[in-house]
Amino acid sequence: LMNVWVYNRPEDGTRARRPKDLAEPGRPP
């Protein structure tokens, strides 16, 4: 079973964060 959490956002001049830099998901996948 694969679970995927999506974190898409508008371009704001910053680099895309790596998975390890994201907080633990507080919601279902």
PDB file of all heavy atoms in Angstrom:
ATOM      1  N   LEU A   1       0.847  -1.196   0.000  1.00  0.00           N
ATOM      2  CA  LEU A   1       0.000   0.000   0.000  1.00  0.00           C
ATOM      3  C   LEU A   1       0.880   1.243   0.000  1.00  0.00           C
ATOM      4  O   LEU A   1       1.688   1.441   0.913  1.00  0.00           O
ATOM      5  CB  LEU A   1      -0.916   0.026   1.219  1.00  0.00           C
ATOM      6  CG  LEU A   1      -1.783   1.286   1.373  1.00  0.00           C
ATOM      7  CD1 LEU A   1      -2.790   1.391   0.222  1.00  0.00           C
ATOM      8  CD2 LEU A   1      -2.500   1.296   2.717  1.00  0.00           C
ATOM      9  N   MET A   2       0.733   2.064  -1.036  1.00  0.00           N
ATOM     10  CA  MET A   2       1.483   3.304  -1.128  1.00  0.00           C
ATOM     11  C   MET A   2       0.606   4.470  -0.708  1.00  0.00           C
ATOM     12  O   MET A   2      -0.542   4.581  -1.138  1.00  0.00           O
ATOM     13  CB  MET A   2       1.984   3.534  -2.566  1.00  0.00           C
ATOM     14  CG  MET A   2       2.873   4.774  -2.695  1.00  0.00           C
ATOM     15  SD  MET A   2       3.275   5.205  -4.425  1.00  0.00           S
ATOM     16  CE  MET A   2       4.070   3.700  -4.968  1.00  0.00           C
ATOM     17  N   ASN A   3       1.154   5.330   0.154  1.00  0.00           N
ATOM     18  CA  ASN A   3       0.478   6.545   0.583  1.00  0.00           C
ATOM     19  C   ASN A   3       1.259   7.751   0.087  1.00  0.00           C
ATOM     20  O   ASN A   3       2.496   7.780   0.211  1.00  0.00           O
ATOM     21  CB  ASN A   3       0.377   6.605   2.105  1.00  0.00           C
ATOM     22  CG  ASN A   3      -0.499   5.501   2.674  1.00  0.00           C
ATOM     23  OD1 ASN A   3      -1.598   5.281   2.200  1.00  0.00           O
ATOM     24  ND2 ASN A   3       0.000   4.805   3.685  1.00  0.00           N
ATOM     25  N   VAL A   4       0.567   8.749  -0.450  1.00  0.00           N
ATOM     26  CA  VAL A   4       1.224   9.937  -1.000  1.00  0.00           C
ATOM     27  C   VAL A   4       0.561  11.190  -0.431  1.00  0.00           C
ATOM     28  O   VAL A   4      -0.664  11.338  -0.501  1.00  0.00           O
ATOM     29  CB  VAL A   4       1.152   9.963  -2.543  1.00  0.00           C
ATOM     30  CG1 VAL A   4       1.842  11.209  -3.086  1.00  0.00           C
ATOM     31  CG2 VAL A   4       1.783   8.704  -3.131  1.00  0.00           C
ATOM     32  N   TRP A   5       1.385  12.068   0.143  1.00  0.00           N
ATOM     33  CA  TRP A   5       0.929  13.375   0.613  1.00  0.00           C
ATOM     34  C   TRP A   5       1.441  14.436  -0.356  1.00  0.00           C
ATOM     35  O   TRP A   5       2.638  14.468  -0.678  1.00  0.00           O
ATOM     36  CB  TRP A   5       1.453  13.662   2.017  1.00  0.00           C
ATOM     37  CG  TRP A   5       0.797  12.831   3.084  1.00  0.00           C
ATOM     38  CD1 TRP A   5      -0.270  13.178   3.855  1.00  0.00           C
ATOM     39  CD2 TRP A   5       1.179  11.508   3.512  1.00  0.00           C
ATOM     40  NE1 TRP A   5      -0.583  12.165   4.730  1.00  0.00           N
ATOM     41  CE2 TRP A   5       0.286  11.134   4.545  1.00  0.00           C
ATOM     42  CE3 TRP A   5       2.177  10.613   3.121  1.00  0.00           C
ATOM     43  CZ2 TRP A   5       0.373   9.910   5.191  1.00  0.00           C
ATOM     44  CZ3 TRP A   5       2.257   9.379   3.754  1.00  0.00           C
ATOM     45  CH2 TRP A   5       1.358   9.039   4.783  1.00  0.00           C
ATOM     46  N   VAL A   6       0.560  15.297  -0.818  1.00  0.00           N
ATOM     47  CA  VAL A   6       0.876  16.272  -1.862  1.00  0.00           C
ATOM     48  C   VAL A   6       1.064  17.652  -1.231  1.00  0.00           C
ATOM     49  O   VAL A   6       0.239  18.099  -0.436  1.00  0.00           O
ATOM     50  CB  VAL A   6      -0.248  16.315  -2.920  1.00  0.00           C
ATOM     51  CG1 VAL A   6       0.103  17.290  -4.031  1.00  0.00           C
ATOM     52  CG2 VAL A   6      -0.498  14.912  -3.477  1.00  0.00           C
ATOM     53  N   TYR A   7       2.178  18.325  -1.601  1.00  0.00           N
ATOM     54  CA  TYR A   7       2.482  19.664  -1.080  1.00  0.00           C
ATOM     55  C   TYR A   7       2.872  20.579  -2.231  1.00  0.00           C
ATOM     56  O   TYR A   7       4.029  20.980  -2.365  1.00  0.00           O
ATOM     57  CB  TYR A   7       3.629  19.609  -0.065  1.00  0.00           C
ATOM     58  CG  TYR A   7       3.362  18.736   1.145  1.00  0.00           C
ATOM     59  CD1 TYR A   7       3.734  17.390   1.151  1.00  0.00           C
ATOM     60  CD2 TYR A   7       2.757  19.251   2.286  1.00  0.00           C
ATOM     61  CE1 TYR A   7       3.496  16.594   2.254  1.00  0.00           C
ATOM     62  CE2 TYR A   7       2.517  18.457   3.398  1.00  0.00           C
ATOM     63  CZ  TYR A   7       2.892  17.126   3.372  1.00  0.00           C
ATOM     64  OH  TYR A   7       2.653  16.342   4.472  1.00  0.00           O
ATOM     65  N   ASN A   8       1.945  20.890  -3.095  1.00  0.00           N
ATOM     66  CA  ASN A   8       2.211  21.770  -4.223  1.00  0.00           C
ATOM     67  C   ASN A   8       1.903  23.220  -3.846  1.00  0.00           C
ATOM     68  O   ASN A   8       0.945  23.479  -3.114  1.00  0.00           O
ATOM     69  CB  ASN A   8       1.372  21.366  -5.433  1.00  0.00           C
ATOM     70  CG  ASN A   8       1.800  20.024  -6.023  1.00  0.00           C
ATOM     71  OD1 ASN A   8       2.555  19.276  -5.405  1.00  0.00           O
ATOM     72  ND2 ASN A   8       1.297  19.715  -7.199  1.00  0.00           N
ATOM     73  N   ARG A   9       2.690  24.161  -4.379  1.00  0.00           N
ATOM     74  CA  ARG A   9       2.504  25.584  -4.038  1.00  0.00           C
ATOM     75  C   ARG A   9       2.956  26.453  -5.205  1.00  0.00           C
ATOM     76  O   ARG A   9       3.685  25.996  -6.104  1.00  0.00           O
ATOM     77  CB  ARG A   9       3.312  25.934  -2.780  1.00  0.00           C
ATOM     78  CG  ARG A   9       4.812  25.678  -2.903  1.00  0.00           C
ATOM     79  CD  ARG A   9       5.539  26.043  -1.625  1.00  0.00           C
ATOM     80  NE  ARG A   9       6.932  25.625  -1.634  1.00  0.00           N
ATOM     81  CZ  ARG A   9       7.931  26.310  -2.173  1.00  0.00           C
ATOM     82  NH1 ARG A   9       7.690  27.490  -2.774  1.00  0.00           N
ATOM     83  NH2 ARG A   9       9.177  25.864  -2.131  1.00  0.00           N
ATOM     84  N   PRO A  10       2.557  27.731  -5.215  1.00  0.00           N
ATOM     85  CA  PRO A  10       2.987  28.634  -6.292  1.00  0.00           C
ATOM     86  C   PRO A  10       4.486  28.937  -6.212  1.00  0.00           C
ATOM     87  O   PRO A  10       5.119  28.791  -5.154  1.00  0.00           O
ATOM     88  CB  PRO A  10       2.161  29.897  -6.036  1.00  0.00           C
ATOM     89  CG  PRO A  10       1.043  29.478  -5.148  1.00  0.00           C
ATOM     90  CD  PRO A  10       1.579  28.362  -4.315  1.00  0.00           C
ATOM     91  N   GLU A  11       5.048  29.357  -7.311  1.00  0.00           N
ATOM     92  CA  GLU A  11       6.442  29.786  -7.367  1.00  0.00           C
ATOM     93  C   GLU A  11       6.620  31.052  -6.521  1.00  0.00           C
ATOM     94  O   GLU A  11       5.882  32.032  -6.677  1.00  0.00           O
ATOM     95  CB  GLU A  11       6.849  30.069  -8.814  1.00  0.00           C
ATOM     96  CG  GLU A  11       8.205  30.728  -8.988  1.00  0.00           C
ATOM     97  CD  GLU A  11       9.315  29.844  -8.465  1.00  0.00           C
ATOM     98  OE1 GLU A  11       9.413  28.677  -8.903  1.00  0.00           O
ATOM     99  OE2 GLU A  11      10.086  30.332  -7.599  1.00  0.00           O
ATOM    100  N   ASP A  12       7.590  31.018  -5.576  1.00  0.00           N
ATOM    101  CA  ASP A  12       7.841  32.185  -4.725  1.00  0.00           C
ATOM    102  C   ASP A  12       9.328  32.508  -4.610  1.00  0.00           C
ATOM    103  O   ASP A  12       9.753  33.245  -3.726  1.00  0.00           O
ATOM    104  CB  ASP A  12       7.248  31.968  -3.329  1.00  0.00           C
ATOM    105  CG  ASP A  12       7.866  30.778  -2.600  1.00  0.00           C
ATOM    106  OD1 ASP A  12       8.781  30.137  -3.164  1.00  0.00           O
ATOM    107  OD2 ASP A  12       7.435  30.492  -1.464  1.00  0.00           O
ATOM    108  N   GLY A  13      10.111  31.906  -5.510  1.00  0.00           N
ATOM    109  CA  GLY A  13      11.542  32.185  -5.495  1.00  0.00           C
ATOM    110  C   GLY A  13      12.351  31.260  -4.616  1.00  0.00           C
ATOM    111  O   GLY A  13      13.575  31.394  -4.561  1.00  0.00           O
ATOM    112  N   THR A  14      11.716  30.326  -3.935  1.00  0.00           N
ATOM    113  CA  THR A  14      12.447  29.384  -3.089  1.00  0.00           C
ATOM    114  C   THR A  14      12.481  28.006  -3.740  1.00  0.00           C
ATOM    115  O   THR A  14      11.599  27.663  -4.541  1.00  0.00           O
ATOM    116  CB  THR A  14      11.806  29.272  -1.703  1.00  0.00           C
ATOM    117  OG1 THR A  14      10.465  28.752  -1.842  1.00  0.00           O
ATOM    118  CG2 THR A  14      11.762  30.631  -1.016  1.00  0.00           C
ATOM    119  N   ARG A  15      13.464  27.223  -3.367  1.00  0.00           N
ATOM    120  CA  ARG A  15      13.602  25.879  -3.930  1.00  0.00           C
ATOM    121  C   ARG A  15      12.577  24.938  -3.319  1.00  0.00           C
ATOM    122  O   ARG A  15      12.118  25.126  -2.184  1.00  0.00           O
ATOM    123  CB  ARG A  15      15.008  25.342  -3.659  1.00  0.00           C
ATOM    124  CG  ARG A  15      16.113  26.159  -4.323  1.00  0.00           C
ATOM    125  CD  ARG A  15      17.469  25.571  -4.022  1.00  0.00           C
ATOM    126  NE  ARG A  15      17.605  24.212  -4.548  1.00  0.00           N
ATOM    127  CZ  ARG A  15      18.728  23.495  -4.480  1.00  0.00           C
ATOM    128  NH1 ARG A  15      19.814  24.000  -3.884  1.00  0.00           N
ATOM    129  NH2 ARG A  15      18.777  22.282  -4.979  1.00  0.00           N
ATOM    130  N   ALA A  16      12.238  23.922  -4.071  1.00  0.00           N
ATOM    131  CA  ALA A  16      11.339  22.894  -3.552  1.00  0.00           C
ATOM    132  C   ALA A  16      11.999  22.192  -2.376  1.00  0.00           C
ATOM    133  O   ALA A  16      13.176  21.824  -2.425  1.00  0.00           O
ATOM    134  CB  ALA A  16      11.005  21.884  -4.652  1.00  0.00           C
ATOM    135  N   ARG A  17      11.248  22.015  -1.308  1.00  0.00           N
ATOM    136  CA  ARG A  17      11.793  21.345  -0.133  1.00  0.00           C
ATOM    137  C   ARG A  17      11.873  19.844  -0.361  1.00  0.00           C
ATOM    138  O   ARG A  17      11.044  19.246  -1.043  1.00  0.00           O
ATOM    139  CB  ARG A  17      10.911  21.644   1.078  1.00  0.00           C
ATOM    140  CG  ARG A  17      11.020  23.083   1.577  1.00  0.00           C
ATOM    141  CD  ARG A  17      10.165  23.297   2.803  1.00  0.00           C
ATOM    142  NE  ARG A  17       8.731  23.233   2.466  1.00  0.00           N
ATOM    143  CZ  ARG A  17       7.760  23.247   3.359  1.00  0.00           C
ATOM    144  NH1 ARG A  17       8.045  23.280   4.659  1.00  0.00           N
ATOM    145  NH2 ARG A  17       6.493  23.204   2.976  1.00  0.00           N
ATOM    146  N   ARG A  18      12.889  19.232   0.247  1.00  0.00           N
ATOM    147  CA  ARG A  18      13.063  17.800   0.138  1.00  0.00           C
ATOM    148  C   ARG A  18      12.116  17.077   1.096  1.00  0.00           C
ATOM    149  O   ARG A  18      11.674  17.664   2.095  1.00  0.00           O
ATOM    150  CB  ARG A  18      14.509  17.427   0.442  1.00  0.00           C
ATOM    151  CG  ARG A  18      15.513  17.977  -0.577  1.00  0.00           C
ATOM    152  CD  ARG A  18      16.933  17.750  -0.138  1.00  0.00           C
ATOM    153  NE  ARG A  18      17.252  18.527   1.073  1.00  0.00           N
ATOM    154  CZ  ARG A  18      18.432  18.515   1.675  1.00  0.00           C
ATOM    155  NH1 ARG A  18      19.411  17.767   1.200  1.00  0.00           N
ATOM    156  NH2 ARG A  18      18.627  19.255   2.749  1.00  0.00           N
ATOM    157  N   PRO A  19      11.818  15.822   0.825  1.00  0.00           N
ATOM    158  CA  PRO A  19      10.897  15.092   1.709  1.00  0.00           C
ATOM    159  C   PRO A  19      11.334  15.119   3.179  1.00  0.00           C
ATOM    160  O   PRO A  19      10.488  15.261   4.066  1.00  0.00           O
ATOM    161  CB  PRO A  19      10.919  13.672   1.140  1.00  0.00           C
ATOM    162  CG  PRO A  19      11.226  13.855  -0.304  1.00  0.00           C
ATOM    163  CD  PRO A  19      12.179  15.013  -0.364  1.00  0.00           C
ATOM    164  N   LYS A  20      12.631  15.010   3.423  1.00  0.00           N
ATOM    165  CA  LYS A  20      13.093  14.954   4.812  1.00  0.00           C
ATOM    166  C   LYS A  20      12.927  16.298   5.537  1.00  0.00           C
ATOM    167  O   LYS A  20      12.982  16.353   6.763  1.00  0.00           O
ATOM    168  CB  LYS A  20      14.556  14.523   4.860  1.00  0.00           C
ATOM    169  CG  LYS A  20      15.540  15.547   4.304  1.00  0.00           C
ATOM    170  CD  LYS A  20      16.968  15.048   4.482  1.00  0.00           C
ATOM    171  CE  LYS A  20      17.995  16.107   4.046  1.00  0.00           C
ATOM    172  NZ  LYS A  20      19.373  15.664   4.276  1.00  0.00           N
ATOM    173  N   ASP A  21      12.714  17.367   4.779  1.00  0.00           N
ATOM    174  CA  ASP A  21      12.532  18.692   5.383  1.00  0.00           C
ATOM    175  C   ASP A  21      11.066  19.004   5.680  1.00  0.00           C
ATOM    176  O   ASP A  21      10.761  20.066   6.230  1.00  0.00           O
ATOM    177  CB  ASP A  21      13.103  19.776   4.455  1.00  0.00           C
ATOM    178  CG  ASP A  21      14.604  19.629   4.264  1.00  0.00           C
ATOM    179  OD1 ASP A  21      15.267  19.178   5.212  1.00  0.00           O
ATOM    180  OD2 ASP A  21      15.091  19.944   3.161  1.00  0.00           O
ATOM    181  N   LEU A  22      10.187  18.108   5.316  1.00  0.00           N
ATOM    182  CA  LEU A  22       8.763  18.330   5.550  1.00  0.00           C
ATOM    183  C   LEU A  22       8.353  17.778   6.909  1.00  0.00           C
ATOM    184  O   LEU A  22       8.895  16.774   7.380  1.00  0.00           O
ATOM    185  CB  LEU A  22       7.937  17.657   4.456  1.00  0.00           C
ATOM    186  CG  LEU A  22       8.143  18.181   3.026  1.00  0.00           C
ATOM    187  CD1 LEU A  22       7.374  17.316   2.037  1.00  0.00           C
ATOM    188  CD2 LEU A  22       7.696  19.632   2.916  1.00  0.00           C
ATOM    189  N   ALA A  23       7.400  18.430   7.510  1.00  0.00           N
ATOM    190  CA  ALA A  23       6.902  17.981   8.808  1.00  0.00           C
ATOM    191  C   ALA A  23       6.093  16.692   8.624  1.00  0.00           C
ATOM    192  O   ALA A  23       5.614  16.376   7.532  1.00  0.00           O
ATOM    193  CB  ALA A  23       6.031  19.070   9.429  1.00  0.00           C
ATOM    194  N   GLU A  24       5.956  15.945   9.711  1.00  0.00           N
ATOM    195  CA  GLU A  24       5.124  14.751   9.672  1.00  0.00           C
ATOM    196  C   GLU A  24       3.702  15.135   9.274  1.00  0.00           C
ATOM    197  O   GLU A  24       3.155  16.108   9.788  1.00  0.00           O
ATOM    198  CB  GLU A  24       5.104  14.063  11.037  1.00  0.00           C
ATOM    199  CG  GLU A  24       6.402  13.370  11.406  1.00  0.00           C
ATOM    200  CD  GLU A  24       6.668  12.164  10.527  1.00  0.00           C
ATOM    201  OE1 GLU A  24       5.699  11.449  10.173  1.00  0.00           O
ATOM    202  OE2 GLU A  24       7.835  11.949  10.161  1.00  0.00           O
ATOM    203  N   PRO A  25       3.107  14.395   8.350  1.00  0.00           N
ATOM    204  CA  PRO A  25       1.755  14.768   7.902  1.00  0.00           C
ATOM    205  C   PRO A  25       0.741  14.668   9.037  1.00  0.00           C
ATOM    206  O   PRO A  25       0.713  13.685   9.777  1.00  0.00           O
ATOM    207  CB  PRO A  25       1.458  13.749   6.796  1.00  0.00           C
ATOM    208  CG  PRO A  25       2.371  12.610   7.068  1.00  0.00           C
ATOM    209  CD  PRO A  25       3.613  13.192   7.675  1.00  0.00           C
ATOM    210  N   GLY A  26      -0.069  15.685   9.149  1.00  0.00           N
ATOM    211  CA  GLY A  26      -1.109  15.691  10.168  1.00  0.00           C
ATOM    212  C   GLY A  26      -2.472  15.380   9.599  1.00  0.00           C
ATOM    213  O   GLY A  26      -3.502  15.702  10.209  1.00  0.00           O
ATOM    214  N   ARG A  27      -2.500  14.756   8.438  1.00  0.00           N
ATOM    215  CA  ARG A  27      -3.762  14.436   7.764  1.00  0.00           C
ATOM    216  C   ARG A  27      -3.593  13.133   6.994  1.00  0.00           C
ATOM    217  O   ARG A  27      -2.466  12.683   6.754  1.00  0.00           O
ATOM    218  CB  ARG A  27      -4.140  15.562   6.798  1.00  0.00           C
ATOM    219  CG  ARG A  27      -3.063  15.883   5.770  1.00  0.00           C
ATOM    220  CD  ARG A  27      -3.479  17.033   4.870  1.00  0.00           C
ATOM    221  NE  ARG A  27      -2.407  17.501   4.003  1.00  0.00           N
ATOM    222  CZ  ARG A  27      -2.075  16.954   2.841  1.00  0.00           C
ATOM    223  NH1 ARG A  27      -2.728  15.890   2.418  1.00  0.00           N
ATOM    224  NH2 ARG A  27      -1.108  17.467   2.115  1.00  0.00           N
ATOM    225  N   PRO A  28      -4.683  12.492   6.617  1.00  0.00           N
ATOM    226  CA  PRO A  28      -4.573  11.256   5.831  1.00  0.00           C
ATOM    227  C   PRO A  28      -3.925  11.530   4.480  1.00  0.00           C
ATOM    228  O   PRO A  28      -3.922  12.665   3.997  1.00  0.00           O
ATOM    229  CB  PRO A  28      -6.038  10.821   5.655  1.00  0.00           C
ATOM    230  CG  PRO A  28      -6.784  11.513   6.740  1.00  0.00           C
ATOM    231  CD  PRO A  28      -6.075  12.820   6.954  1.00  0.00           C
ATOM    232  N   PRO A  29      -3.367  10.509   3.845  1.00  0.00           N
ATOM    233  CA  PRO A  29      -2.771  10.702   2.519  1.00  0.00           C
ATOM    234  C   PRO A  29      -3.812  11.125   1.493  1.00  0.00           C
ATOM    235  O   PRO A  29      -4.963  10.687   1.547  1.00  0.00           O
ATOM    236  CB  PRO A  29      -2.183   9.323   2.188  1.00  0.00           C
ATOM    237  CG  PRO A  29      -2.964   8.374   3.026  1.00  0.00           C
ATOM    238  CD  PRO A  29      -3.295   9.103   4.281  1.00  0.00           C
TER     239      PRO A  29
END
